[in-house]
Amino acid sequence: MVSARGLWAMLIVGVGPTIPYKVSNEIEEETKVMRKLSIVVTALCVCTAFAVAASAQEKTLCERLGGTPAISAVVDSFAGKVLKDDRINKKFAKTDANRLVTNLKGQIGGAAKCPGVTYKGKNMKNTHKNMGVTEGEFNALVEDLVKTLDEFKVPEKEKGELLAVLGPMKKDIVEKPGDMMTGTDLPANFKPAPPLKTKASTKKM
């Protein structure tokens, strides 16, 4: 124990109040640090919550395009344009229209991530083998698609995403790169896929 004289000496030289003040300052500093850490952790939690919410709300291209019914309507209109377009319709002279429309719906719907929709046709290279498609004819096909998307008022962002997905198929479709001719005849050695046995084009995807 500290004697009365010792206590008096501590008060005189200022030792007595120094100890509790020092402890108080340390506690105050620790409190400030904990508060700052709490703010940082809270901010991180809020940011994470927003990120998770945004991810959950992000819609697929199919949903943003209006779902499978909307894509089905777009394909019907697009196919109609293609078959009437003299720049390219000769290439489909032997093609079964039902098969064409059904495969297009599966292809575009699958690319847009529509639930339960898959492309069940042949790969692009085998499908267009010996069709003699020129680069000009492919460009005409894309123009018809863009025109259709514009008619259905598809936003630029979604239109760009869809074209970006379909664009890489060009190398497997075009057999005459650099040839800008359109309306060329279908080669005699082209062998089309057989007609569909059911009227799949009238069904929803």
N, C-alpha and C. Protein backbone atom coordinates (compact mmCIF):
# COMPACT_ATOMS: atom_id res chain seq x y z
N MET A 1 0.83 -1.20 0.00
CA MET A 1 0.00 0.00 0.00
C MET A 1 0.87 1.25 0.00
N VAL A 2 0.36 2.32 -0.58
CA VAL A 2 1.12 3.57 -0.64
C VAL A 2 0.77 4.39 0.59
N SER A 3 1.82 4.89 1.23
CA SER A 3 1.60 5.68 2.44
C SER A 3 1.02 7.03 2.10
N ALA A 4 0.54 7.74 3.13
CA ALA A 4 -0.04 9.07 2.92
C ALA A 4 1.00 10.00 2.36
N ARG A 5 2.26 9.83 2.85
CA ARG A 5 3.32 10.68 2.36
C ARG A 5 3.60 10.39 0.90
N GLY A 6 3.55 9.09 0.59
CA GLY A 6 3.80 8.71 -0.81
C GLY A 6 2.74 9.27 -1.73
N LEU A 7 1.50 9.21 -1.29
CA LEU A 7 0.42 9.75 -2.10
C LEU A 7 0.59 11.24 -2.30
N TRP A 8 1.00 11.92 -1.20
CA TRP A 8 1.21 13.37 -1.28
C TRP A 8 2.32 13.68 -2.26
N ALA A 9 3.38 12.88 -2.26
CA ALA A 9 4.51 13.10 -3.17
C ALA A 9 4.07 12.88 -4.61
N MET A 10 3.25 11.86 -4.83
CA MET A 10 2.77 11.59 -6.18
C MET A 10 1.93 12.72 -6.71
N LEU A 11 1.12 13.30 -5.87
CA LEU A 11 0.28 14.42 -6.29
C LEU A 11 1.12 15.64 -6.59
N ILE A 12 2.19 15.87 -5.79
CA ILE A 12 3.04 17.03 -5.98
C ILE A 12 3.76 16.97 -7.32
N VAL A 13 4.33 15.81 -7.65
CA VAL A 13 5.12 15.68 -8.89
C VAL A 13 4.24 15.38 -10.09
N GLY A 14 2.95 15.18 -9.88
CA GLY A 14 2.03 14.93 -11.00
C GLY A 14 2.00 13.50 -11.47
N VAL A 15 2.55 12.56 -10.69
CA VAL A 15 2.56 11.15 -11.09
C VAL A 15 1.18 10.56 -10.97
N GLY A 16 0.48 10.94 -9.91
CA GLY A 16 -0.83 10.36 -9.64
C GLY A 16 -1.79 10.47 -10.81
N PRO A 17 -2.05 11.66 -11.35
CA PRO A 17 -3.04 11.78 -12.42
C PRO A 17 -2.57 11.24 -13.75
N THR A 18 -1.24 11.05 -13.91
CA THR A 18 -0.72 10.60 -15.21
C THR A 18 -1.19 9.21 -15.56
N ILE A 19 -1.21 8.31 -14.62
CA ILE A 19 -1.56 6.92 -14.87
C ILE A 19 -3.00 6.77 -15.35
N PRO A 20 -3.98 7.32 -14.61
CA PRO A 20 -5.35 7.16 -15.10
C PRO A 20 -5.58 7.86 -16.41
N TYR A 21 -4.95 9.06 -16.66
CA TYR A 21 -5.12 9.74 -17.93
C TYR A 21 -4.57 8.92 -19.09
N LYS A 22 -3.40 8.27 -18.83
CA LYS A 22 -2.79 7.45 -19.89
C LYS A 22 -3.69 6.28 -20.25
N VAL A 23 -4.24 5.62 -19.26
CA VAL A 23 -5.15 4.50 -19.51
C VAL A 23 -6.38 4.98 -20.26
N SER A 24 -6.89 6.16 -19.85
CA SER A 24 -8.08 6.70 -20.49
C SER A 24 -7.82 7.02 -21.97
N ASN A 25 -6.64 7.57 -22.25
CA ASN A 25 -6.29 7.88 -23.64
C ASN A 25 -6.18 6.62 -24.49
N GLU A 26 -5.59 5.57 -23.94
CA GLU A 26 -5.44 4.32 -24.67
C GLU A 26 -6.82 3.72 -24.98
N ILE A 27 -7.71 3.79 -24.02
CA ILE A 27 -9.06 3.25 -24.22
C ILE A 27 -9.78 4.04 -25.30
N GLU A 28 -9.59 5.37 -25.26
CA GLU A 28 -10.25 6.23 -26.24
C GLU A 28 -9.74 5.93 -27.66
N GLU A 29 -8.41 5.72 -27.79
CA GLU A 29 -7.83 5.40 -29.09
C GLU A 29 -8.34 4.06 -29.61
N GLU A 30 -8.42 3.07 -28.71
CA GLU A 30 -8.92 1.75 -29.11
C GLU A 30 -10.38 1.85 -29.55
N THR A 31 -11.13 2.69 -28.86
CA THR A 31 -12.54 2.88 -29.23
C THR A 31 -12.67 3.47 -30.62
N LYS A 32 -11.82 4.48 -30.91
CA LYS A 32 -11.84 5.10 -32.23
C LYS A 32 -11.51 4.10 -33.32
N VAL A 33 -10.49 3.26 -33.06
CA VAL A 33 -10.08 2.24 -34.03
C VAL A 33 -11.23 1.25 -34.27
N MET A 34 -11.87 0.82 -33.21
CA MET A 34 -12.97 -0.13 -33.33
C MET A 34 -14.14 0.47 -34.12
N ARG A 35 -14.37 1.76 -33.88
CA ARG A 35 -15.44 2.42 -34.62
C ARG A 35 -15.14 2.46 -36.12
N LYS A 36 -13.87 2.76 -36.43
CA LYS A 36 -13.46 2.81 -37.84
C LYS A 36 -13.59 1.44 -38.50
N LEU A 37 -13.16 0.40 -37.76
CA LEU A 37 -13.27 -0.96 -38.28
C LEU A 37 -14.73 -1.34 -38.49
N SER A 38 -15.57 -0.91 -37.56
CA SER A 38 -17.00 -1.22 -37.67
C SER A 38 -17.60 -0.57 -38.91
N ILE A 39 -17.17 0.68 -39.19
CA ILE A 39 -17.67 1.39 -40.37
C ILE A 39 -17.23 0.68 -41.64
N VAL A 40 -15.96 0.26 -41.68
CA VAL A 40 -15.43 -0.43 -42.86
C VAL A 40 -16.16 -1.74 -43.10
N VAL A 41 -16.34 -2.52 -42.03
CA VAL A 41 -17.03 -3.80 -42.15
C VAL A 41 -18.48 -3.60 -42.62
N THR A 42 -19.13 -2.60 -42.07
CA THR A 42 -20.52 -2.32 -42.47
C THR A 42 -20.58 -1.94 -43.94
N ALA A 43 -19.62 -1.11 -44.39
CA ALA A 43 -19.59 -0.69 -45.79
C ALA A 43 -19.39 -1.89 -46.71
N LEU A 44 -18.49 -2.79 -46.31
CA LEU A 44 -18.24 -3.99 -47.11
C LEU A 44 -19.48 -4.86 -47.19
N CYS A 45 -20.18 -4.99 -46.09
CA CYS A 45 -21.40 -5.80 -46.07
C CYS A 45 -22.47 -5.20 -46.99
N VAL A 46 -22.59 -3.87 -46.94
CA VAL A 46 -23.58 -3.19 -47.79
C VAL A 46 -23.24 -3.39 -49.25
N CYS A 47 -21.94 -3.22 -49.59
CA CYS A 47 -21.51 -3.38 -50.99
C CYS A 47 -21.77 -4.81 -51.47
N THR A 48 -21.47 -5.78 -50.62
CA THR A 48 -21.70 -7.18 -50.97
C THR A 48 -23.18 -7.44 -51.19
N ALA A 49 -24.00 -6.88 -50.33
CA ALA A 49 -25.45 -7.06 -50.45
C ALA A 49 -25.97 -6.50 -51.76
N PHE A 50 -25.46 -5.30 -52.12
CA PHE A 50 -25.87 -4.69 -53.39
C PHE A 50 -25.43 -5.54 -54.57
N ALA A 51 -24.21 -6.08 -54.49
CA ALA A 51 -23.68 -6.90 -55.59
C ALA A 51 -24.52 -8.16 -55.77
N VAL A 52 -24.87 -8.80 -54.66
CA VAL A 52 -25.68 -10.01 -54.72
C VAL A 52 -27.06 -9.70 -55.28
N ALA A 53 -27.63 -8.59 -54.84
CA ALA A 53 -28.95 -8.20 -55.31
C ALA A 53 -28.94 -7.90 -56.80
N ALA A 54 -27.88 -7.20 -57.24
CA ALA A 54 -27.77 -6.86 -58.66
C ALA A 54 -27.62 -8.11 -59.51
N SER A 55 -26.83 -9.07 -58.99
CA SER A 55 -26.64 -10.31 -59.72
C SER A 55 -27.94 -11.09 -59.84
N ALA A 56 -28.71 -11.08 -58.74
CA ALA A 56 -29.97 -11.81 -58.75
C ALA A 56 -30.98 -11.18 -59.70
N GLN A 57 -30.88 -9.85 -59.87
CA GLN A 57 -31.84 -9.15 -60.71
C GLN A 57 -31.44 -9.12 -62.17
N GLU A 58 -30.19 -9.48 -62.49
CA GLU A 58 -29.73 -9.44 -63.88
C GLU A 58 -30.49 -10.46 -64.72
N LYS A 59 -31.10 -10.00 -65.79
CA LYS A 59 -31.92 -10.86 -66.62
C LYS A 59 -31.12 -11.42 -67.78
N THR A 60 -31.54 -12.58 -68.27
CA THR A 60 -30.88 -13.18 -69.43
C THR A 60 -31.27 -12.39 -70.67
N LEU A 61 -30.53 -12.61 -71.75
CA LEU A 61 -30.84 -11.94 -73.01
C LEU A 61 -32.24 -12.33 -73.46
N CYS A 62 -32.61 -13.58 -73.24
CA CYS A 62 -33.94 -14.05 -73.62
C CYS A 62 -35.03 -13.24 -72.91
N GLU A 63 -34.85 -13.03 -71.61
CA GLU A 63 -35.84 -12.28 -70.83
C GLU A 63 -35.90 -10.83 -71.30
N ARG A 64 -34.74 -10.25 -71.59
CA ARG A 64 -34.70 -8.86 -72.02
C ARG A 64 -35.27 -8.67 -73.42
N LEU A 65 -35.28 -9.75 -74.20
CA LEU A 65 -35.85 -9.68 -75.54
C LEU A 65 -37.36 -9.92 -75.52
N GLY A 66 -37.87 -10.31 -74.36
CA GLY A 66 -39.32 -10.53 -74.25
C GLY A 66 -39.72 -11.98 -74.08
N GLY A 67 -38.74 -12.87 -73.91
CA GLY A 67 -39.04 -14.29 -73.71
C GLY A 67 -39.20 -15.05 -75.01
N THR A 68 -39.44 -16.33 -74.91
CA THR A 68 -39.54 -17.19 -76.09
C THR A 68 -40.65 -16.79 -77.07
N PRO A 69 -41.79 -16.32 -76.59
CA PRO A 69 -42.83 -15.91 -77.55
C PRO A 69 -42.36 -14.76 -78.45
N ALA A 70 -41.66 -13.81 -77.85
CA ALA A 70 -41.18 -12.67 -78.63
C ALA A 70 -40.12 -13.11 -79.64
N ILE A 71 -39.22 -13.99 -79.21
CA ILE A 71 -38.18 -14.47 -80.12
C ILE A 71 -38.80 -15.29 -81.24
N SER A 72 -39.82 -16.07 -80.92
CA SER A 72 -40.52 -16.86 -81.93
C SER A 72 -41.12 -15.94 -83.00
N ALA A 73 -41.72 -14.83 -82.56
CA ALA A 73 -42.32 -13.88 -83.50
C ALA A 73 -41.25 -13.23 -84.37
N VAL A 74 -40.12 -12.91 -83.77
CA VAL A 74 -39.01 -12.30 -84.52
C VAL A 74 -38.51 -13.27 -85.60
N VAL A 75 -38.34 -14.53 -85.23
CA VAL A 75 -37.84 -15.52 -86.19
C VAL A 75 -38.84 -15.72 -87.33
N ASP A 76 -40.11 -15.77 -87.03
CA ASP A 76 -41.13 -15.93 -88.08
C ASP A 76 -41.03 -14.79 -89.10
N SER A 77 -40.88 -13.58 -88.58
CA SER A 77 -40.78 -12.42 -89.45
C SER A 77 -39.47 -12.43 -90.24
N PHE A 78 -38.39 -12.78 -89.56
CA PHE A 78 -37.06 -12.83 -90.19
C PHE A 78 -37.03 -13.87 -91.31
N ALA A 79 -37.55 -15.06 -91.04
CA ALA A 79 -37.56 -16.13 -92.04
C ALA A 79 -38.38 -15.71 -93.26
N GLY A 80 -39.48 -15.03 -93.00
CA GLY A 80 -40.31 -14.55 -94.10
C GLY A 80 -39.55 -13.59 -95.01
N LYS A 81 -38.77 -12.71 -94.40
CA LYS A 81 -37.96 -11.76 -95.18
C LYS A 81 -36.90 -12.50 -96.01
N VAL A 82 -36.24 -13.45 -95.38
CA VAL A 82 -35.16 -14.19 -96.05
C VAL A 82 -35.69 -14.93 -97.28
N LEU A 83 -36.81 -15.58 -97.14
CA LEU A 83 -37.36 -16.37 -98.24
C LEU A 83 -37.91 -15.50 -99.37
N LYS A 84 -38.12 -14.21 -99.08
CA LYS A 84 -38.60 -13.29 -100.13
C LYS A 84 -37.48 -12.40 -100.69
N ASP A 85 -36.31 -12.48 -100.07
CA ASP A 85 -35.19 -11.63 -100.47
C ASP A 85 -34.46 -12.26 -101.66
N ASP A 86 -34.56 -11.62 -102.81
CA ASP A 86 -33.94 -12.16 -104.02
C ASP A 86 -32.41 -12.21 -103.94
N ARG A 87 -31.85 -11.52 -102.98
CA ARG A 87 -30.39 -11.55 -102.83
C ARG A 87 -29.91 -12.87 -102.25
N ILE A 88 -30.80 -13.57 -101.56
CA ILE A 88 -30.36 -14.79 -100.88
C ILE A 88 -31.33 -15.97 -100.99
N ASN A 89 -32.56 -15.76 -101.43
CA ASN A 89 -33.54 -16.85 -101.35
C ASN A 89 -33.25 -18.05 -102.26
N LYS A 90 -32.39 -17.86 -103.26
CA LYS A 90 -32.04 -19.01 -104.11
C LYS A 90 -31.30 -20.09 -103.31
N LYS A 91 -30.61 -19.66 -102.27
CA LYS A 91 -29.87 -20.61 -101.45
C LYS A 91 -30.79 -21.51 -100.63
N PHE A 92 -32.06 -21.13 -100.54
CA PHE A 92 -33.02 -21.91 -99.75
C PHE A 92 -34.06 -22.60 -100.64
N ALA A 93 -33.75 -22.70 -101.93
CA ALA A 93 -34.69 -23.29 -102.90
C ALA A 93 -35.06 -24.73 -102.55
N LYS A 94 -34.13 -25.47 -101.97
CA LYS A 94 -34.39 -26.87 -101.63
C LYS A 94 -34.60 -27.08 -100.13
N THR A 95 -34.63 -26.01 -99.39
CA THR A 95 -34.74 -26.12 -97.93
C THR A 95 -36.19 -26.18 -97.47
N ASP A 96 -36.48 -27.09 -96.57
CA ASP A 96 -37.81 -27.20 -95.99
C ASP A 96 -38.04 -26.00 -95.07
N ALA A 97 -39.08 -25.21 -95.36
CA ALA A 97 -39.34 -23.99 -94.60
C ALA A 97 -39.59 -24.27 -93.12
N ASN A 98 -40.31 -25.35 -92.82
CA ASN A 98 -40.58 -25.69 -91.43
C ASN A 98 -39.29 -25.98 -90.66
N ARG A 99 -38.41 -26.72 -91.32
CA ARG A 99 -37.13 -27.05 -90.69
C ARG A 99 -36.31 -25.78 -90.48
N LEU A 100 -36.30 -24.91 -91.47
CA LEU A 100 -35.54 -23.66 -91.38
C LEU A 100 -35.99 -22.83 -90.18
N VAL A 101 -37.31 -22.62 -90.08
CA VAL A 101 -37.85 -21.79 -89.00
C VAL A 101 -37.61 -22.43 -87.64
N THR A 102 -37.84 -23.74 -87.55
CA THR A 102 -37.64 -24.45 -86.28
C THR A 102 -36.19 -24.36 -85.82
N ASN A 103 -35.28 -24.58 -86.73
CA ASN A 103 -33.86 -24.51 -86.37
C ASN A 103 -33.43 -23.10 -86.00
N LEU A 104 -33.97 -22.12 -86.70
CA LEU A 104 -33.65 -20.73 -86.36
C LEU A 104 -34.13 -20.38 -84.95
N LYS A 105 -35.32 -20.85 -84.61
CA LYS A 105 -35.85 -20.59 -83.26
C LYS A 105 -34.99 -21.26 -82.20
N GLY A 106 -34.57 -22.47 -82.49
CA GLY A 106 -33.71 -23.17 -81.54
C GLY A 106 -32.35 -22.51 -81.42
N GLN A 107 -31.84 -22.05 -82.54
CA GLN A 107 -30.52 -21.44 -82.57
C GLN A 107 -30.51 -20.09 -81.85
N ILE A 108 -31.45 -19.22 -82.22
CA ILE A 108 -31.50 -17.89 -81.61
C ILE A 108 -31.97 -17.97 -80.16
N GLY A 109 -32.96 -18.82 -79.89
CA GLY A 109 -33.43 -18.98 -78.52
C GLY A 109 -32.36 -19.56 -77.61
N GLY A 110 -31.61 -20.52 -78.13
CA GLY A 110 -30.53 -21.09 -77.34
C GLY A 110 -29.43 -20.09 -77.08
N ALA A 111 -29.10 -19.29 -78.09
CA ALA A 111 -28.05 -18.28 -77.95
C ALA A 111 -28.46 -17.21 -76.94
N ALA A 112 -29.77 -16.96 -76.85
CA ALA A 112 -30.29 -15.95 -75.91
C ALA A 112 -30.52 -16.52 -74.51
N LYS A 113 -30.19 -17.80 -74.32
CA LYS A 113 -30.35 -18.46 -73.02
C LYS A 113 -31.82 -18.61 -72.60
N CYS A 114 -32.67 -18.91 -73.56
CA CYS A 114 -34.07 -19.18 -73.22
C CYS A 114 -34.16 -20.55 -72.55
N PRO A 115 -34.87 -20.67 -71.45
CA PRO A 115 -34.96 -21.95 -70.73
C PRO A 115 -35.58 -23.06 -71.57
N GLY A 116 -34.89 -24.19 -71.59
CA GLY A 116 -35.40 -25.36 -72.30
C GLY A 116 -35.25 -25.31 -73.81
N VAL A 117 -34.61 -24.27 -74.34
CA VAL A 117 -34.47 -24.15 -75.79
C VAL A 117 -33.05 -24.53 -76.22
N THR A 118 -32.97 -25.46 -77.16
CA THR A 118 -31.68 -25.88 -77.68
C THR A 118 -31.75 -26.04 -79.20
N TYR A 119 -30.62 -25.86 -79.82
CA TYR A 119 -30.54 -26.05 -81.27
C TYR A 119 -30.27 -27.53 -81.54
N LYS A 120 -31.13 -28.18 -82.34
CA LYS A 120 -31.01 -29.61 -82.56
C LYS A 120 -30.60 -29.95 -83.99
N GLY A 121 -30.26 -28.94 -84.77
CA GLY A 121 -29.85 -29.20 -86.14
C GLY A 121 -28.38 -29.55 -86.25
N LYS A 122 -27.90 -29.64 -87.47
CA LYS A 122 -26.49 -29.94 -87.72
C LYS A 122 -25.66 -28.70 -87.39
N ASN A 123 -24.34 -28.90 -87.29
CA ASN A 123 -23.51 -27.74 -87.08
C ASN A 123 -23.51 -26.88 -88.35
N MET A 124 -23.13 -25.63 -88.21
CA MET A 124 -23.24 -24.67 -89.30
C MET A 124 -22.43 -25.07 -90.54
N LYS A 125 -21.29 -25.65 -90.32
CA LYS A 125 -20.43 -26.02 -91.45
C LYS A 125 -21.08 -27.10 -92.31
N ASN A 126 -21.61 -28.13 -91.65
CA ASN A 126 -22.25 -29.22 -92.40
C ASN A 126 -23.59 -28.78 -93.01
N THR A 127 -24.31 -27.91 -92.30
CA THR A 127 -25.59 -27.43 -92.80
C THR A 127 -25.44 -26.66 -94.10
N HIS A 128 -24.37 -25.87 -94.20
CA HIS A 128 -24.18 -25.01 -95.37
C HIS A 128 -23.15 -25.56 -96.37
N LYS A 129 -22.78 -26.80 -96.17
CA LYS A 129 -21.80 -27.40 -97.07
C LYS A 129 -22.36 -27.47 -98.51
N ASN A 130 -21.57 -26.99 -99.44
CA ASN A 130 -21.93 -26.97 -100.87
C ASN A 130 -23.06 -26.02 -101.23
N MET A 131 -23.40 -25.11 -100.32
CA MET A 131 -24.40 -24.10 -100.65
C MET A 131 -23.77 -22.96 -101.46
N GLY A 132 -22.47 -22.84 -101.33
CA GLY A 132 -21.77 -21.80 -102.07
C GLY A 132 -22.14 -20.40 -101.63
N VAL A 133 -22.38 -20.22 -100.34
CA VAL A 133 -22.78 -18.92 -99.82
C VAL A 133 -21.63 -17.92 -99.94
N THR A 134 -21.91 -16.78 -100.53
CA THR A 134 -20.89 -15.73 -100.67
C THR A 134 -20.93 -14.82 -99.45
N GLU A 135 -19.90 -14.03 -99.30
CA GLU A 135 -19.87 -13.07 -98.19
C GLU A 135 -20.97 -12.03 -98.36
N GLY A 136 -21.23 -11.65 -99.60
CA GLY A 136 -22.30 -10.69 -99.88
C GLY A 136 -23.66 -11.22 -99.48
N GLU A 137 -23.89 -12.51 -99.72
CA GLU A 137 -25.17 -13.12 -99.35
C GLU A 137 -25.31 -13.23 -97.83
N PHE A 138 -24.21 -13.52 -97.17
CA PHE A 138 -24.25 -13.57 -95.70
C PHE A 138 -24.57 -12.19 -95.15
N ASN A 139 -23.96 -11.16 -95.71
CA ASN A 139 -24.23 -9.80 -95.25
C ASN A 139 -25.69 -9.42 -95.47
N ALA A 140 -26.25 -9.89 -96.58
CA ALA A 140 -27.66 -9.62 -96.87
C ALA A 140 -28.56 -10.29 -95.83
N LEU A 141 -28.17 -11.49 -95.41
CA LEU A 141 -28.92 -12.21 -94.37
C LEU A 141 -28.90 -11.43 -93.06
N VAL A 142 -27.72 -10.92 -92.71
CA VAL A 142 -27.58 -10.14 -91.48
C VAL A 142 -28.42 -8.86 -91.57
N GLU A 143 -28.44 -8.25 -92.74
CA GLU A 143 -29.24 -7.04 -92.93
C GLU A 143 -30.72 -7.32 -92.68
N ASP A 144 -31.18 -8.47 -93.16
CA ASP A 144 -32.58 -8.85 -92.94
C ASP A 144 -32.87 -9.06 -91.45
N LEU A 145 -31.90 -9.64 -90.75
CA LEU A 145 -32.07 -9.87 -89.31
C LEU A 145 -32.11 -8.54 -88.57
N VAL A 146 -31.19 -7.64 -88.89
CA VAL A 146 -31.14 -6.34 -88.23
C VAL A 146 -32.44 -5.56 -88.50
N LYS A 147 -32.90 -5.62 -89.73
CA LYS A 147 -34.15 -4.94 -90.10
C LYS A 147 -35.31 -5.48 -89.26
N THR A 148 -35.34 -6.80 -89.07
CA THR A 148 -36.40 -7.42 -88.28
C THR A 148 -36.31 -6.99 -86.82
N LEU A 149 -35.10 -6.99 -86.26
CA LEU A 149 -34.92 -6.57 -84.87
C LEU A 149 -35.34 -5.12 -84.68
N ASP A 150 -35.05 -4.29 -85.67
CA ASP A 150 -35.45 -2.88 -85.59
C ASP A 150 -36.98 -2.75 -85.64
N GLU A 151 -37.61 -3.55 -86.47
CA GLU A 151 -39.08 -3.50 -86.56
C GLU A 151 -39.73 -3.88 -85.24
N PHE A 152 -39.07 -4.79 -84.51
CA PHE A 152 -39.61 -5.21 -83.21
C PHE A 152 -39.09 -4.32 -82.08
N LYS A 153 -38.39 -3.25 -82.48
CA LYS A 153 -37.88 -2.25 -81.52
C LYS A 153 -36.99 -2.87 -80.44
N VAL A 154 -36.12 -3.78 -80.86
CA VAL A 154 -35.17 -4.38 -79.93
C VAL A 154 -34.10 -3.34 -79.60
N PRO A 155 -33.83 -3.07 -78.33
CA PRO A 155 -32.83 -2.06 -77.94
C PRO A 155 -31.44 -2.38 -78.51
N GLU A 156 -30.64 -1.34 -78.68
CA GLU A 156 -29.31 -1.50 -79.28
C GLU A 156 -28.44 -2.48 -78.49
N LYS A 157 -28.51 -2.41 -77.16
CA LYS A 157 -27.68 -3.29 -76.33
C LYS A 157 -28.00 -4.75 -76.59
N GLU A 158 -29.28 -5.10 -76.56
CA GLU A 158 -29.69 -6.48 -76.77
C GLU A 158 -29.44 -6.92 -78.22
N LYS A 159 -29.65 -6.01 -79.14
CA LYS A 159 -29.41 -6.32 -80.55
C LYS A 159 -27.92 -6.63 -80.76
N GLY A 160 -27.07 -5.82 -80.14
CA GLY A 160 -25.63 -6.04 -80.26
C GLY A 160 -25.20 -7.36 -79.66
N GLU A 161 -25.79 -7.72 -78.50
CA GLU A 161 -25.44 -8.97 -77.84
C GLU A 161 -25.82 -10.17 -78.72
N LEU A 162 -27.01 -10.10 -79.31
CA LEU A 162 -27.48 -11.20 -80.15
C LEU A 162 -26.61 -11.35 -81.40
N LEU A 163 -26.30 -10.25 -82.04
CA LEU A 163 -25.47 -10.30 -83.25
C LEU A 163 -24.05 -10.78 -82.91
N ALA A 164 -23.58 -10.43 -81.72
CA ALA A 164 -22.24 -10.86 -81.30
C ALA A 164 -22.19 -12.37 -81.11
N VAL A 165 -23.31 -12.95 -80.67
CA VAL A 165 -23.37 -14.41 -80.48
C VAL A 165 -23.43 -15.13 -81.83
N LEU A 166 -24.18 -14.56 -82.77
CA LEU A 166 -24.36 -15.21 -84.07
C LEU A 166 -23.21 -14.91 -85.05
N GLY A 167 -22.52 -13.80 -84.82
CA GLY A 167 -21.46 -13.38 -85.73
C GLY A 167 -20.38 -14.43 -86.02
N PRO A 168 -19.88 -15.12 -84.99
CA PRO A 168 -18.81 -16.11 -85.22
C PRO A 168 -19.20 -17.25 -86.16
N MET A 169 -20.48 -17.41 -86.45
CA MET A 169 -20.93 -18.49 -87.34
C MET A 169 -20.57 -18.20 -88.80
N LYS A 170 -20.22 -16.96 -89.08
CA LYS A 170 -19.95 -16.55 -90.45
C LYS A 170 -18.90 -17.43 -91.13
N LYS A 171 -17.84 -17.75 -90.41
CA LYS A 171 -16.75 -18.53 -91.01
C LYS A 171 -17.20 -19.94 -91.41
N ASP A 172 -18.25 -20.46 -90.77
CA ASP A 172 -18.74 -21.80 -91.09
C ASP A 172 -19.85 -21.77 -92.14
N ILE A 173 -20.42 -20.60 -92.37
CA ILE A 173 -21.52 -20.46 -93.34
C ILE A 173 -21.01 -20.03 -94.72
N VAL A 174 -20.11 -19.06 -94.70
CA VAL A 174 -19.60 -18.50 -95.97
C VAL A 174 -18.55 -19.43 -96.57
N GLU A 175 -18.80 -19.86 -97.81
CA GLU A 175 -17.84 -20.71 -98.53
C GLU A 175 -17.04 -19.90 -99.56
N LYS A 176 -17.47 -18.66 -99.78
CA LYS A 176 -16.76 -17.81 -100.73
C LYS A 176 -16.47 -16.45 -100.09
N PRO A 177 -15.54 -16.45 -99.14
CA PRO A 177 -15.20 -15.18 -98.47
C PRO A 177 -14.61 -14.18 -99.48
N GLY A 178 -14.99 -12.94 -99.33
CA GLY A 178 -14.47 -11.90 -100.23
C GLY A 178 -15.33 -11.70 -101.46
N ASP A 179 -16.19 -12.67 -101.75
CA ASP A 179 -17.09 -12.56 -102.90
C ASP A 179 -18.35 -11.82 -102.46
N MET A 180 -18.56 -10.63 -102.98
CA MET A 180 -19.68 -9.81 -102.54
C MET A 180 -20.91 -9.97 -103.44
N MET A 181 -20.89 -10.95 -104.32
CA MET A 181 -22.05 -11.20 -105.19
C MET A 181 -23.24 -11.68 -104.34
N THR A 182 -24.43 -11.35 -104.80
CA THR A 182 -25.65 -11.83 -104.15
C THR A 182 -26.57 -12.43 -105.22
N GLY A 183 -27.54 -13.22 -104.78
CA GLY A 183 -28.48 -13.82 -105.71
C GLY A 183 -27.90 -14.93 -106.57
N THR A 184 -26.82 -15.55 -106.09
CA THR A 184 -26.20 -16.63 -106.86
C THR A 184 -27.01 -17.91 -106.73
N ASP A 185 -26.89 -18.77 -107.73
CA ASP A 185 -27.68 -20.01 -107.74
C ASP A 185 -27.16 -21.01 -106.72
N LEU A 186 -28.05 -21.87 -106.29
CA LEU A 186 -27.69 -22.94 -105.37
C LEU A 186 -26.99 -24.04 -106.17
N PRO A 187 -25.78 -24.44 -105.79
CA PRO A 187 -25.07 -25.49 -106.52
C PRO A 187 -25.87 -26.80 -106.58
N ALA A 188 -25.73 -27.51 -107.68
CA ALA A 188 -26.49 -28.75 -107.90
C ALA A 188 -26.11 -29.85 -106.92
N ASN A 189 -24.90 -29.78 -106.39
CA ASN A 189 -24.45 -30.85 -105.49
C ASN A 189 -24.83 -30.62 -104.03
N PHE A 190 -25.63 -29.59 -103.76
CA PHE A 190 -26.07 -29.34 -102.39
C PHE A 190 -27.16 -30.34 -102.02
N LYS A 191 -27.01 -30.94 -100.85
CA LYS A 191 -27.99 -31.91 -100.36
C LYS A 191 -28.66 -31.39 -99.10
N PRO A 192 -29.91 -30.97 -99.21
CA PRO A 192 -30.62 -30.41 -98.04
C PRO A 192 -31.04 -31.49 -97.06
N ALA A 193 -31.28 -31.07 -95.83
CA ALA A 193 -31.79 -32.00 -94.82
C ALA A 193 -33.23 -32.34 -95.18
N PRO A 194 -33.71 -33.51 -94.83
CA PRO A 194 -35.09 -33.89 -95.16
C PRO A 194 -36.09 -33.03 -94.42
N PRO A 195 -37.30 -32.91 -94.97
CA PRO A 195 -38.35 -32.10 -94.32
C PRO A 195 -38.70 -32.67 -92.94
N LEU A 196 -39.16 -31.80 -92.07
CA LEU A 196 -39.59 -32.26 -90.75
C LEU A 196 -40.87 -33.06 -90.89
N LYS A 197 -41.04 -34.03 -90.02
CA LYS A 197 -42.23 -34.88 -90.07
C LYS A 197 -43.42 -34.23 -89.39
N THR A 198 -43.12 -33.25 -88.50
CA THR A 198 -44.19 -32.54 -87.82
C THR A 198 -44.11 -31.06 -88.13
N LYS A 199 -45.22 -30.38 -87.92
CA LYS A 199 -45.24 -28.95 -88.20
C LYS A 199 -44.68 -28.20 -86.99
N ALA A 200 -43.36 -28.38 -86.79
CA ALA A 200 -42.72 -27.80 -85.61
C ALA A 200 -42.71 -26.28 -85.63
N SER A 201 -42.79 -25.72 -86.83
CA SER A 201 -42.72 -24.26 -86.91
C SER A 201 -43.94 -23.60 -86.31
N THR A 202 -45.04 -24.36 -86.16
CA THR A 202 -46.25 -23.77 -85.57
C THR A 202 -46.26 -23.89 -84.06
N LYS A 203 -45.28 -24.61 -83.53
CA LYS A 203 -45.23 -24.79 -82.08
C LYS A 203 -44.34 -23.74 -81.46
N LYS A 204 -44.59 -23.49 -80.20
CA LYS A 204 -43.73 -22.57 -79.47
C LYS A 204 -42.43 -23.28 -79.13
N MET A 205 -41.39 -22.49 -78.93
CA MET A 205 -40.10 -23.09 -78.59
C MET A 205 -40.18 -23.77 -77.24
